[in-house]
C-alpha atoms as a PDB file:
ATOM      1  CA  MET A   1      56.924 -34.356  -9.467  1.00  0.00           C
ATOM      2  CA  PHE A   2      54.065 -32.460 -10.924  1.00  0.00           C
ATOM      3  CA  ARG A   3      50.474 -34.461 -10.443  1.00  0.00           C
ATOM      4  CA  LYS A   4      47.113 -33.970 -11.446  1.00  0.00           C
ATOM      5  CA  ALA A   5      45.178 -31.736  -8.954  1.00  0.00           C
ATOM      6  CA  GLU A   6      42.721 -33.487  -7.183  1.00  0.00           C
ATOM      7  CA  ARG A   7      40.491 -32.243  -4.308  1.00  0.00           C
ATOM      8  CA  ARG A   8      40.566 -34.551  -1.448  1.00  0.00           C
ATOM      9  CA  LYS A   9      38.489 -35.444   1.880  1.00  0.00           C
ATOM     10  CA  ALA A  10      39.362 -32.737   4.487  1.00  0.00           C
ATOM     11  CA  LYS A  11      38.518 -31.315   7.730  1.00  0.00           C
ATOM     12  CA  LEU A  12      36.674 -28.020   8.224  1.00  0.00           C
ATOM     13  CA  ARG A  13      38.207 -24.759   9.209  1.00  0.00           C
ATOM     14  CA  LEU A  14      35.696 -22.110   9.824  1.00  0.00           C
ATOM     15  CA  ALA A  15      35.854 -18.968  11.255  1.00  0.00           C
ATOM     16  CA  ILE A  16      32.854 -17.083  12.677  1.00  0.00           C
ATOM     17  CA  THR A  17      33.413 -13.479  13.010  1.00  0.00           C
ATOM     18  CA  GLY A  18      30.759 -10.653  14.653  1.00  0.00           C
ATOM     19  CA  PRO A  19      30.513  -7.846  17.189  1.00  0.00           C
ATOM     20  CA  ALA A  20      29.541  -8.981  20.483  1.00  0.00           C
ATOM     21  CA  GLY A  21      25.737 -10.203  20.963  1.00  0.00           C
ATOM     22  CA  SER A  22      25.789 -11.264  16.930  1.00  0.00           C
ATOM     23  CA  GLY A  23      25.383 -15.024  18.035  1.00  0.00           C
ATOM     24  CA  LYS A  24      28.982 -16.369  17.413  1.00  0.00           C
ATOM     25  CA  THR A  25      28.860 -19.025  20.103  1.00  0.00           C
ATOM     26  CA  TYR A  26      25.298 -20.149  19.238  1.00  0.00           C
ATOM     27  CA  GLY A  27      26.099 -20.196  15.736  1.00  0.00           C
ATOM     28  CA  ALA A  28      29.297 -22.132  16.248  1.00  0.00           C
ATOM     29  CA  LEU A  29      27.204 -24.901  18.275  1.00  0.00           C
ATOM     30  CA  THR A  30      24.628 -25.217  15.863  1.00  0.00           C
ATOM     31  CA  LEU A  31      26.680 -25.662  13.139  1.00  0.00           C
ATOM     32  CA  ALA A  32      28.789 -28.047  15.285  1.00  0.00           C
ATOM     33  CA  GLN A  33      25.616 -30.283  15.473  1.00  0.00           C
ATOM     34  CA  GLY A  34      25.264 -30.166  11.694  1.00  0.00           C
ATOM     35  CA  LEU A  35      28.844 -31.735  11.407  1.00  0.00           C
ATOM     36  CA  GLY A  36      27.800 -34.478  13.565  1.00  0.00           C
ATOM     37  CA  GLY A  37      29.929 -36.291  16.190  1.00  0.00           C
ATOM     38  CA  ARG A  38      31.593 -35.376  19.354  1.00  0.00           C
ATOM     39  CA  ILE A  39      31.847 -31.695  20.120  1.00  0.00           C
ATOM     40  CA  ALA A  40      34.438 -30.022  22.481  1.00  0.00           C
ATOM     41  CA  MET A  41      34.562 -26.302  23.034  1.00  0.00           C
ATOM     42  CA  ILE A  42      37.613 -24.310  24.386  1.00  0.00           C
ATOM     43  CA  ASP A  43      36.053 -21.143  26.382  1.00  0.00           C
ATOM     44  CA  THR A  44      37.493 -17.942  26.759  1.00  0.00           C
ATOM     45  CA  GLU A  45      34.603 -15.809  27.748  1.00  0.00           C
ATOM     46  CA  ASN A  46      34.396 -16.179  31.503  1.00  0.00           C
ATOM     47  CA  GLY A  47      32.269 -19.655  31.546  1.00  0.00           C
ATOM     48  CA  SER A  48      29.478 -18.185  28.475  1.00  0.00           C
ATOM     49  CA  GLY A  49      30.400 -21.961  27.134  1.00  0.00           C
ATOM     50  CA  ASP A  50      28.490 -23.462  29.633  1.00  0.00           C
ATOM     51  CA  LEU A  51      25.253 -21.118  29.051  1.00  0.00           C
ATOM     52  CA  TYR A  52      24.088 -23.194  26.047  1.00  0.00           C
ATOM     53  CA  ALA A  53      24.168 -26.688  27.570  1.00  0.00           C
ATOM     54  CA  ASP A  54      20.590 -27.188  26.699  1.00  0.00           C
ATOM     55  CA  MET A  55      21.104 -26.816  23.026  1.00  0.00           C
ATOM     56  CA  CYS A  56      23.185 -30.382  22.447  1.00  0.00           C
ATOM     57  CA  ASP A  57      25.900 -32.609  24.215  1.00  0.00           C
ATOM     58  CA  TYR A  58      29.307 -31.142  24.345  1.00  0.00           C
ATOM     59  CA  ASP A  59      32.023 -30.724  26.403  1.00  0.00           C
ATOM     60  CA  VAL A  60      33.743 -27.703  27.753  1.00  0.00           C
ATOM     61  CA  GLU A  61      37.114 -26.516  28.787  1.00  0.00           C
ATOM     62  CA  THR A  62      37.522 -23.121  30.171  1.00  0.00           C
ATOM     63  CA  LEU A  63      40.562 -20.979  29.624  1.00  0.00           C
ATOM     64  CA  SER A  64      41.477 -18.194  31.837  1.00  0.00           C
ATOM     65  CA  ALA A  65      44.032 -15.496  31.862  1.00  0.00           C
ATOM     66  CA  PRO A  66      46.561 -15.460  31.171  1.00  0.00           C
ATOM     67  CA  TYR A  67      45.755 -16.515  27.417  1.00  0.00           C
ATOM     68  CA  SER A  68      48.993 -17.668  26.281  1.00  0.00           C
ATOM     69  CA  ILE A  69      49.502 -19.689  23.368  1.00  0.00           C
ATOM     70  CA  GLN A  70      50.601 -22.581  24.944  1.00  0.00           C
ATOM     71  CA  LYS A  71      47.472 -22.957  26.995  1.00  0.00           C
ATOM     72  CA  TYR A  72      45.540 -22.956  23.531  1.00  0.00           C
ATOM     73  CA  LEU A  73      47.694 -25.534  22.008  1.00  0.00           C
ATOM     74  CA  ALA A  74      47.380 -27.971  25.058  1.00  0.00           C
ATOM     75  CA  ALA A  75      43.736 -27.635  24.668  1.00  0.00           C
ATOM     76  CA  ILE A  76      43.574 -28.440  21.070  1.00  0.00           C
ATOM     77  CA  HIS A  77      45.950 -31.394  21.636  1.00  0.00           C
ATOM     78  CA  GLU A  78      43.493 -32.664  24.657  1.00  0.00           C
ATOM     79  CA  ALA A  79      40.568 -32.524  22.233  1.00  0.00           C
ATOM     80  CA  GLU A  80      42.536 -34.541  19.422  1.00  0.00           C
ATOM     81  CA  ALA A  81      43.842 -37.247  22.027  1.00  0.00           C
ATOM     82  CA  SER A  82      40.281 -37.709  23.355  1.00  0.00           C
ATOM     83  CA  GLY A  83      38.883 -38.226  20.197  1.00  0.00           C
ATOM     84  CA  TYR A  84      36.422 -35.398  19.486  1.00  0.00           C
ATOM     85  CA  ASP A  85      35.031 -34.840  15.895  1.00  0.00           C
ATOM     86  CA  VAL A  86      34.447 -31.091  16.486  1.00  0.00           C
ATOM     87  CA  LEU A  87      36.428 -28.536  18.406  1.00  0.00           C
ATOM     88  CA  ILE A  88      35.126 -24.986  18.597  1.00  0.00           C
ATOM     89  CA  ILE A  89      37.386 -22.213  19.901  1.00  0.00           C
ATOM     90  CA  ASP A  90      35.551 -19.637  21.472  1.00  0.00           C
ATOM     91  CA  SER A  91      37.475 -17.333  21.084  1.00  0.00           C
ATOM     92  CA  LEU A  92      40.635 -16.904  19.282  1.00  0.00           C
ATOM     93  CA  SER A  93      40.537 -13.036  19.998  1.00  0.00           C
ATOM     94  CA  HIS A  94      41.765 -13.799  23.361  1.00  0.00           C
ATOM     95  CA  ALA A  95      45.267 -15.545  22.086  1.00  0.00           C
ATOM     96  CA  TRP A  96      46.078 -11.940  20.467  1.00  0.00           C
ATOM     97  CA  ALA A  97      44.047  -8.952  22.377  1.00  0.00           C
ATOM     98  CA  GLY A  98      43.416 -10.664  25.748  1.00  0.00           C
ATOM     99  CA  GLU A  99      45.600 -10.511  28.997  1.00  0.00           C
ATOM    100  CA  GLY A 100      48.538 -12.774  28.261  1.00  0.00           C
ATOM    101  CA  GLY A 101      47.856 -13.006  24.988  1.00  0.00           C
ATOM    102  CA  LEU A 102      50.455 -11.858  21.839  1.00  0.00           C
ATOM    103  CA  LEU A 103      49.991  -8.458  21.956  1.00  0.00           C
ATOM    104  CA  ASP A 104      50.423  -8.199  25.863  1.00  0.00           C
ATOM    105  CA  VAL A 105      53.868 -10.503  25.440  1.00  0.00           C
ATOM    106  CA  HIS A 106      54.928  -8.234  22.701  1.00  0.00           C
ATOM    107  CA  GLN A 107      54.446  -5.156  25.004  1.00  0.00           C
ATOM    108  CA  HIS A 108      56.637  -6.876  27.905  1.00  0.00           C
ATOM    109  CA  LEU A 109      59.188  -7.899  25.344  1.00  0.00           C
ATOM    110  CA  THR A 110      59.299  -4.506  24.241  1.00  0.00           C
ATOM    111  CA  GLN A 111      59.736  -3.085  27.910  1.00  0.00           C
ATOM    112  CA  SER A 112      62.093  -5.582  28.695  1.00  0.00           C
ATOM    113  CA  MET A 113      64.564  -4.531  25.782  1.00  0.00           C
ATOM    114  CA  LYS A 114      67.289  -2.159  26.547  1.00  0.00           C
ATOM    115  CA  SER A 115      66.612  -0.678  23.001  1.00  0.00           C
ATOM    116  CA  GLY A 116      62.905  -0.889  23.284  1.00  0.00           C
ATOM    117  CA  ASN A 117      62.701  -2.104  19.692  1.00  0.00           C
ATOM    118  CA  SER A 118      59.130  -3.172  19.325  1.00  0.00           C
ATOM    119  CA  TYR A 119      60.082  -4.610  15.617  1.00  0.00           C
ATOM    120  CA  ALA A 120      62.757  -6.823  17.465  1.00  0.00           C
ATOM    121  CA  ALA A 121      60.168  -8.336  19.866  1.00  0.00           C
ATOM    122  CA  TRP A 122      57.981  -9.433  17.005  1.00  0.00           C
ATOM    123  CA  ASN A 123      60.698 -11.779  16.281  1.00  0.00           C
ATOM    124  CA  LYS A 124      59.457 -13.893  19.030  1.00  0.00           C
ATOM    125  CA  ILE A 125      55.927 -12.989  18.735  1.00  0.00           C
ATOM    126  CA  THR A 126      55.262 -14.337  15.093  1.00  0.00           C
ATOM    127  CA  PRO A 127      56.761 -17.808  15.617  1.00  0.00           C
ATOM    128  CA  MET A 128      54.197 -18.252  18.548  1.00  0.00           C
ATOM    129  CA  HIS A 129      51.249 -17.147  16.044  1.00  0.00           C
ATOM    130  CA  ASN A 130      52.484 -19.224  13.427  1.00  0.00           C
ATOM    131  CA  LYS A 131      52.573 -22.238  15.775  1.00  0.00           C
ATOM    132  CA  LEU A 132      48.634 -21.691  16.779  1.00  0.00           C
ATOM    133  CA  ILE A 133      47.837 -21.506  13.072  1.00  0.00           C
ATOM    134  CA  GLU A 134      49.619 -24.761  12.071  1.00  0.00           C
ATOM    135  CA  THR A 135      48.137 -26.475  15.008  1.00  0.00           C
ATOM    136  CA  MET A 136      44.862 -25.825  14.196  1.00  0.00           C
ATOM    137  CA  LEU A 137      45.480 -26.500  10.282  1.00  0.00           C
ATOM    138  CA  ALA A 138      46.982 -30.013  10.941  1.00  0.00           C
ATOM    139  CA  SER A 139      44.585 -31.007  13.547  1.00  0.00           C
ATOM    140  CA  SER A 140      42.199 -33.911  13.235  1.00  0.00           C
ATOM    141  CA  CYS A 141      39.520 -32.597  14.160  1.00  0.00           C
ATOM    142  CA  HIS A 142      37.121 -29.949  12.710  1.00  0.00           C
ATOM    143  CA  ILE A 143      38.017 -26.396  13.873  1.00  0.00           C
ATOM    144  CA  ILE A 144      35.426 -23.792  14.525  1.00  0.00           C
ATOM    145  CA  GLY A 145      36.928 -20.441  15.517  1.00  0.00           C
ATOM    146  CA  THR A 146      35.135 -17.497  16.719  1.00  0.00           C
ATOM    147  CA  MET A 147      36.797 -13.904  16.585  1.00  0.00           C
ATOM    148  CA  ARG A 148      35.263 -10.992  17.969  1.00  0.00           C
ATOM    149  CA  SER A 149      34.845  -7.924  15.591  1.00  0.00           C
ATOM    150  CA  LYS A 150      35.969  -4.404  16.128  1.00  0.00           C
ATOM    151  CA  THR A 151      32.387  -2.627  16.259  1.00  0.00           C
ATOM    152  CA  ASP A 152      31.187   0.940  15.416  1.00  0.00           C
ATOM    153  CA  TYR A 153      27.631   2.438  14.829  1.00  0.00           C
ATOM    154  CA  ALA A 154      26.634   3.533  11.371  1.00  0.00           C
ATOM    155  CA  GLN A 155      23.209   5.023  10.158  1.00  0.00           C
ATOM    156  CA  LEU A 156      21.514   2.297   7.863  1.00  0.00           C
ATOM    157  CA  GLN A 157      18.049   2.099   6.554  1.00  0.00           C
ATOM    158  CA  ASN A 158      15.552  -0.702   8.145  1.00  0.00           C
ATOM    159  CA  ASP A 159      13.043  -2.812   5.946  1.00  0.00           C
ATOM    160  CA  LYS A 160      10.855   0.356   6.114  1.00  0.00           C
ATOM    161  CA  GLY A 161      13.030   2.658   4.479  1.00  0.00           C
ATOM    162  CA  ARG A 162      13.716   4.767   7.893  1.00  0.00           C
ATOM    163  CA  SER A 163      16.960   5.555   9.018  1.00  0.00           C
ATOM    164  CA  GLU A 164      18.449   3.968  12.265  1.00  0.00           C
ATOM    165  CA  ILE A 165      21.677   3.642  14.230  1.00  0.00           C
ATOM    166  CA  ARG A 166      22.944   0.142  14.298  1.00  0.00           C
ATOM    167  CA  LYS A 167      25.927  -1.362  15.577  1.00  0.00           C
ATOM    168  CA  VAL A 168      28.133  -3.117  13.155  1.00  0.00           C
ATOM    169  CA  GLY A 169      30.949  -5.460  12.987  1.00  0.00           C
ATOM    170  CA  LEU A 170      34.621  -4.491  11.391  1.00  0.00           C
ATOM    171  CA  ALA A 171      37.767  -6.271  11.187  1.00  0.00           C
ATOM    172  CA  PRO A 172      38.054  -9.253  13.703  1.00  0.00           C
ATOM    173  CA  VAL A 173      40.147  -8.821  16.725  1.00  0.00           C
ATOM    174  CA  GLN A 174      43.224 -10.919  15.920  1.00  0.00           C
ATOM    175  CA  ARG A 175      46.380 -10.419  14.062  1.00  0.00           C
ATOM    176  CA  ASP A 176      45.914  -9.299  10.604  1.00  0.00           C
ATOM    177  CA  GLY A 177      45.363 -11.750   7.771  1.00  0.00           C
ATOM    178  CA  MET A 178      44.456 -14.411  10.426  1.00  0.00           C
ATOM    179  CA  ASP A 179      41.074 -14.858   8.488  1.00  0.00           C
ATOM    180  CA  TYR A 180      42.963 -16.089   5.514  1.00  0.00           C
ATOM    181  CA  GLU A 181      44.045 -18.901   7.278  1.00  0.00           C
ATOM    182  CA  PHE A 182      40.491 -20.875   7.059  1.00  0.00           C
ATOM    183  CA  THR A 183      38.607 -22.440   4.446  1.00  0.00           C
ATOM    184  CA  VAL A 184      35.467 -20.611   5.026  1.00  0.00           C
ATOM    185  CA  VAL A 185      34.594 -16.937   7.159  1.00  0.00           C
ATOM    186  CA  PHE A 186      31.292 -16.167   8.356  1.00  0.00           C
ATOM    187  CA  ASP A 187      30.897 -12.653   9.200  1.00  0.00           C
ATOM    188  CA  LEU A 188      27.629 -12.518  11.508  1.00  0.00           C
ATOM    189  CA  SER A 189      25.702  -9.127  11.817  1.00  0.00           C
ATOM    190  CA  MET A 190      23.781  -8.356  14.967  1.00  0.00           C
ATOM    191  CA  ASP A 191      20.355  -9.704  13.617  1.00  0.00           C
ATOM    192  CA  HIS A 192      22.498 -13.269  13.171  1.00  0.00           C
ATOM    193  CA  SER A 193      22.542 -12.929   9.462  1.00  0.00           C
ATOM    194  CA  VAL A 194      25.664 -14.379   7.693  1.00  0.00           C
ATOM    195  CA  THR A 195      27.906 -12.604   4.800  1.00  0.00           C
ATOM    196  CA  VAL A 196      30.630 -14.798   3.390  1.00  0.00           C
ATOM    197  CA  SER A 197      34.073 -13.074   3.137  1.00  0.00           C
ATOM    198  CA  LYS A 198      36.069 -16.104   2.287  1.00  0.00           C
ATOM    199  CA  ASP A 199      34.414 -19.470   0.769  1.00  0.00           C
ATOM    200  CA  ARG A 200      36.733 -21.745  -0.796  1.00  0.00           C
ATOM    201  CA  THR A 201      33.704 -24.047  -0.979  1.00  0.00           C
ATOM    202  CA  GLY A 202      31.986 -22.283  -3.380  1.00  0.00           C
ATOM    203  CA  LEU A 203      28.678 -23.284  -1.413  1.00  0.00           C
ATOM    204  CA  PHE A 204      27.578 -19.801  -0.004  1.00  0.00           C
ATOM    205  CA  ASP A 205      28.640 -17.324  -2.865  1.00  0.00           C
ATOM    206  CA  GLY A 206      26.506 -14.011  -2.569  1.00  0.00           C
ATOM    207  CA  GLN A 207      24.172 -15.426   0.034  1.00  0.00           C
ATOM    208  CA  ILE A 208      22.782 -14.103   3.119  1.00  0.00           C
ATOM    209  CA  PHE A 209      21.430 -16.527   5.431  1.00  0.00           C
ATOM    210  CA  GLN A 210      21.440 -17.613   9.307  1.00  0.00           C
ATOM    211  CA  ILE A 211      23.351 -20.320  10.539  1.00  0.00           C
ATOM    212  CA  THR A 212      21.183 -23.940  10.880  1.00  0.00           C
ATOM    213  CA  GLN A 213      22.225 -27.482  11.455  1.00  0.00           C
ATOM    214  CA  ASP A 214      21.655 -27.880   7.486  1.00  0.00           C
ATOM    215  CA  THR A 215      24.611 -25.532   7.261  1.00  0.00           C
ATOM    216  CA  GLY A 216      26.811 -27.743   8.730  1.00  0.00           C
ATOM    217  CA  LYS A 217      25.415 -30.903   6.851  1.00  0.00           C
ATOM    218  CA  ILE A 218      26.368 -28.974   3.531  1.00  0.00           C
ATOM    219  CA  LEU A 219      29.534 -28.144   4.368  1.00  0.00           C
ATOM    220  CA  LYS A 220      30.261 -31.750   5.843  1.00  0.00           C
ATOM    221  CA  GLY A 221      28.971 -32.998   2.427  1.00  0.00           C
ATOM    222  CA  TRP A 222      31.414 -31.131   0.466  1.00  0.00           C
ATOM    223  CA  LEU A 223      34.157 -32.200   2.834  1.00  0.00           C
ATOM    224  CA  ASN A 224      33.607 -35.377   2.502  1.00  0.00           C
ATOM    225  CA  SER A 225      32.812 -35.484  -1.298  1.00  0.00           C
ATOM    226  CA  GLY A 226      36.532 -35.264  -2.361  1.00  0.00           C
ATOM    227  CA  ALA A 227      39.009 -38.381  -3.086  1.00  0.00           C
ATOM    228  CA  GLU A 228      40.124 -40.536   0.020  1.00  0.00           C
ATOM    229  CA  SER A 229      42.794 -38.580   1.691  1.00  0.00           C
ATOM    230  CA  ILE A 230      46.212 -40.692   1.740  1.00  0.00           C
ATOM    231  CA  PRO A 231      48.575 -39.369   4.334  1.00  0.00           C
ATOM    232  CA  ASN A 232      52.059 -38.006   2.757  1.00  0.00           C
ATOM    233  CA  ALA A 233      55.243 -37.480   4.687  1.00  0.00           C
ATOM    234  CA  GLN A 234      54.253 -34.492   5.980  1.00  0.00           C
ATOM    235  CA  ASP A 235      50.857 -35.819   7.282  1.00  0.00           C
ATOM    236  CA  ILE A 236      52.401 -38.454   9.438  1.00  0.00           C
ATOM    237  CA  ARG A 237      54.933 -35.665  10.644  1.00  0.00           C
ATOM    238  CA  ASN A 238      52.007 -33.739  11.563  1.00  0.00           C
ATOM    239  CA  THR A 239      50.216 -36.729  13.566  1.00  0.00           C
ATOM    240  CA  ILE A 240      53.838 -37.524  15.329  1.00  0.00           C
ATOM    241  CA  ASN A 241      54.209 -33.958  16.385  1.00  0.00           C
ATOM    242  CA  ARG A 242      50.617 -33.715  17.467  1.00  0.00           C
ATOM    243  CA  LEU A 243      51.151 -37.048  19.753  1.00  0.00           C
ATOM    244  CA  TYR A 244      54.393 -35.882  21.261  1.00  0.00           C
ATOM    245  CA  TYR A 245      52.974 -32.578  22.409  1.00  0.00           C
ATOM    246  CA  GLY A 246      49.852 -34.344  23.739  1.00  0.00           C
ATOM    247  CA  TYR A 247      52.049 -36.544  25.983  1.00  0.00           C
ATOM    248  CA  MET A 248      54.310 -33.276  26.788  1.00  0.00           C
ATOM    249  CA  GLU A 249      51.276 -31.795  28.208  1.00  0.00           C
ATOM    250  CA  LEU A 250      50.328 -35.143  30.134  1.00  0.00           C
ATOM    251  CA  PHE A 251      53.608 -35.321  31.706  1.00  0.00           C
ATOM    252  CA  GLY A 252      53.781 -31.392  32.307  1.00  0.00           C
ATOM    253  CA  GLN A 253      56.450 -30.817  29.806  1.00  0.00           C
ATOM    254  CA  ASP A 254      59.015 -33.761  30.921  1.00  0.00           C
ATOM    255  CA  GLN A 255      60.423 -34.491  27.774  1.00  0.00           C
ATOM    256  CA  THR A 256      61.731 -37.790  29.351  1.00  0.00           C
ATOM    257  CA  ALA A 257      58.579 -39.121  30.600  1.00  0.00           C
ATOM    258  CA  ALA A 258      56.764 -38.055  27.353  1.00  0.00           C
ATOM    259  CA  GLN A 259      59.292 -40.031  25.131  1.00  0.00           C
ATOM    260  CA  SER A 260      59.237 -43.058  27.532  1.00  0.00           C
ATOM    261  CA  ALA A 261      55.452 -43.372  27.632  1.00  0.00           C
ATOM    262  CA  MET A 262      55.339 -43.311  23.599  1.00  0.00           C
ATOM    263  CA  GLN A 263      58.228 -45.684  23.376  1.00  0.00           C
ATOM    264  CA  ALA A 264      56.545 -48.444  25.649  1.00  0.00           C
ATOM    265  CA  ILE A 265      53.375 -48.055  23.264  1.00  0.00           C
ATOM    266  CA  THR A 266      55.611 -48.182  20.056  1.00  0.00           C
ATOM    267  CA  ASP A 267      57.911 -51.110  21.572  1.00  0.00           C
ATOM    268  CA  GLY A 268      60.754 -48.719  21.490  1.00  0.00           C
ATOM    269  CA  ARG A 269      61.266 -48.306  17.833  1.00  0.00           C
ATOM    270  CA  PRO A 270      61.941 -44.740  16.333  1.00  0.00           C
ATOM    271  CA  SER A 271      59.076 -42.679  14.971  1.00  0.00           C
ATOM    272  CA  ARG A 272      60.315 -43.073  11.380  1.00  0.00           C
ATOM    273  CA  GLU A 273      59.020 -46.516  11.554  1.00  0.00           C
ATOM    274  CA  TRP A 274      55.682 -46.041  13.327  1.00  0.00           C
ATOM    275  CA  THR A 275      52.945 -47.531  11.635  1.00  0.00           C
ATOM    276  CA  GLN A 276      49.370 -46.291  11.344  1.00  0.00           C
ATOM    277  CA  ASP A 277      48.312 -49.019  13.900  1.00  0.00           C
ATOM    278  CA  ASP A 278      51.348 -47.644  16.146  1.00  0.00           C
ATOM    279  CA  MET A 279      49.566 -44.142  15.989  1.00  0.00           C
ATOM    280  CA  LYS A 280      46.430 -45.183  16.588  1.00  0.00           C
ATOM    281  CA  ARG A 281      47.352 -47.079  19.605  1.00  0.00           C
ATOM    282  CA  LEU A 282      49.283 -43.973  21.000  1.00  0.00           C
ATOM    283  CA  SER A 283      46.037 -41.699  20.271  1.00  0.00           C
ATOM    284  CA  GLU A 284      43.951 -44.239  22.326  1.00  0.00           C
ATOM    285  CA  ASP A 285      46.482 -44.419  24.900  1.00  0.00           C
ATOM    286  CA  LEU A 286      46.750 -40.501  25.444  1.00  0.00           C
ATOM    287  CA  ALA A 287      43.088 -40.226  25.285  1.00  0.00           C
ATOM    288  CA  LEU A 288      42.550 -42.432  27.949  1.00  0.00           C
ATOM    289  CA  ARG A 289      45.160 -41.115  30.115  1.00  0.00           C
ATOM    290  CA  PHE A 290      43.565 -37.384  29.576  1.00  0.00           C
ATOM    291  CA  GLN A 291      40.343 -39.136  30.858  1.00  0.00           C
ATOM    292  CA  LYS A 292      41.886 -40.435  34.124  1.00  0.00           C
ATOM    293  CA  LYS A 293      43.545 -37.266  34.681  1.00  0.00           C
ATOM    294  CA  GLY A 294      40.625 -35.366  34.233  1.00  0.00           C
ATOM    295  CA  VAL A 295      38.972 -37.951  36.841  1.00  0.00           C
ATOM    296  CA  MET A 296      41.493 -37.563  39.177  1.00  0.00           C
ATOM    297  CA  ASP A 297      41.657 -33.386  38.861  1.00  0.00           C
ATOM    298  CA  GLU A 298      38.146 -33.237  39.700  1.00  0.00           C
ATOM    299  CA  MET A 299      38.774 -35.686  43.063  1.00  0.00           C
ATOM    300  CA  GLY A 300      41.524 -33.286  44.097  1.00  0.00           C
ATOM    301  CA  GLU A 301      43.919 -35.925  44.109  1.00  0.00           C
ATOM    302  CA  PRO A 302      47.664 -35.899  42.793  1.00  0.00           C
ATOM    303  CA  VAL A 303      48.043 -37.170  39.151  1.00  0.00           C
END
């Protein structure tokens, strides 16, 4: 049935692209402060996520190679279960072009096939890529994803009219079209200025600017200016799936243990009968379990 179109409150889906040294991580953290709330970061940049600890309070989880899609999904679900408001994924490029990323998996699949058919290998890669996109879009967190840009050098004029060689960013290092999945895409240059290649909000049309906390506040105002979001059947399914994947990650992909834990919270009722209160209690229970697991991991004791 058709209904009148109405913009509703939403979570941010923002991509920040740029060459190395353009300030993607710094910009993401600055913007996240403007959005407000608890901030988490998935760091694939060899621990560089800790370098900005004096900027603000945030928590970081470092991913090391292989950069499998499963690791990204597990970290996203953990952030959701722990109740973070903003999740920075720094960076999404490793999920595509890093060691153990999708291009790496594609190469190994192609080599393992008797026919060596690279096109057939994409049939296995595409669902994994789509799963990452779906998980980000369905997340209960504001998502800020950074992507490295392929770089080149160009002869440009400076503000004094003189020619100079500058490093410039080209297409982001990710699967073609990945940037289209985001609501807003900020492209950073080496002087940290932003041009906007995609903007469904209409807030930054034709502007060139630098990211400040006010940028996050402006986006938050737009996100919250819509009508109250009413969860539909798909929203509820997404929430249930998110919770299920969270418990699966917690119990080392043990399906029986994950289901038993969830049934204990929901009095054994099937998921189609769960209420919003049930899902709230599951989220709180999952966050507490992850918190306890993290403490035990740090102590070096079995969990």
